[in-house]
Amino acid sequence: MQIEIRPTLVVQSRAEGRGSIDLIWLARLLKDIGRGSSLVVASKKSGISYRGAWGKLNQVEASLGMPLIVRTKGHGSILTEFGTFFIQFIDEMQANHHESGNAYQDALLKEIKKIEKSESARWKFLSSSDSIIQRAVTEVKGFDLKIAGSGESLEKLLNNEAHIAGYHVSDEKSSQAIHRRLSKSEIQIYPVMKRTQGLIVKKGNPLRIRSIDDLVDRKVRFINRQIGSGTRLLLDTLLMEEGIEPSDINGYLHEEFTHSAVANAILASKADVGVGVKNVAMENGLGFVPLKDEIFFIAMHRDMVSQSDASKLIRKIRSYSGETPGYKAVSLNRQIEGWL
């Protein structure tokens, strides 16, 4: 789609029954006359009859009270001083408008694209960070995805601020508690994939990090996930089980919002280790120390279940997870018996 914003200048005749005349068009006609064309030739090039052009010229001259051309029998027409000024005036107006016109044009196109996107995204989807989720949403149209922690995603769903939510849990007890809470609000839950969380380290694991216990070494620079994310909850649970104080970890308060951001920080040598999914470590050529498998769920309100977009999204997530290293597709509740 191409949109071009152009300046408009018209003169409105006071005479009854007379319409407005486009002065931009008139300036082009006068330019041809100024270059030596006769009114007959100039009017033909402008797409109007000689009689029509003559009439419009007379109307504009009468409205402005100034002649634009001088007609000399046998010698054609030449521009008056005002006619020459008028052409220059139109040229300058168009030139000055070009810069501001482009700004308005860009603003218009930006708003059109924004509205098109909002209209095509019918369903608000909040989900924990995951590359497969993001990939699936680009394939299945209709979802406006916002990356958020598992906790925030579920709270937005429960408060009817989202149509669908993606969350992950790493132990059966927590999963059962979440299931009970969501079920009370008649929210449907679908397991879609299993993935492995662990410690993402530099290639070759130069610091020989083997477990959570190694994070207390002050030489090890850690990078954390944000509060409310499932990955942060997993880490805090493991620390509590091991009796490790978060304050003993160098970098515990340094947070990132996605698995990829954690990997990028390690690649840039801003940190030595962080918690994330195996696939992200593999994609970035980093080392990985597995900690725990977890289940990723899709939750939605009952009225979303009948929407074909929701079914397509779940199928796409399961399909991608079945073919991606570090993941395993989960399509039946019996595959995760004890989690629901």
Foldseek 3Di string as FASTA:
>chain_A
DDDFDFDWDWFQFPDPPDGIDTVVLVLQLQVCVQVPDALQVSCVVSPHHSVVNVVVQVRVCVRVVHHQWDQDVPRGIHGDPVVVVSSVVSVVVRVVVVVVRVVVRVVVVVVVVVVVQPVFQQFEEEEAADPLLVVLDVVQIRHDYDYDAQQVQVVCQLVVVGFKYKAKAFDQVVLVVVVVVCVVVQKDKFWWKKFWKFKWFAAVLVVPDADPVVQLPQVFAEEEADPRHNQNVVNVVVCVVVVHDCVSGHHSVHHDHHQLVRVVCNVVVVGGIYMDTPLSSVVSNTDTHTDGMMIMMMIGHPVCVPPVSVVSSSVSSNVVQCPGPRMHTDGDPVVVPSND
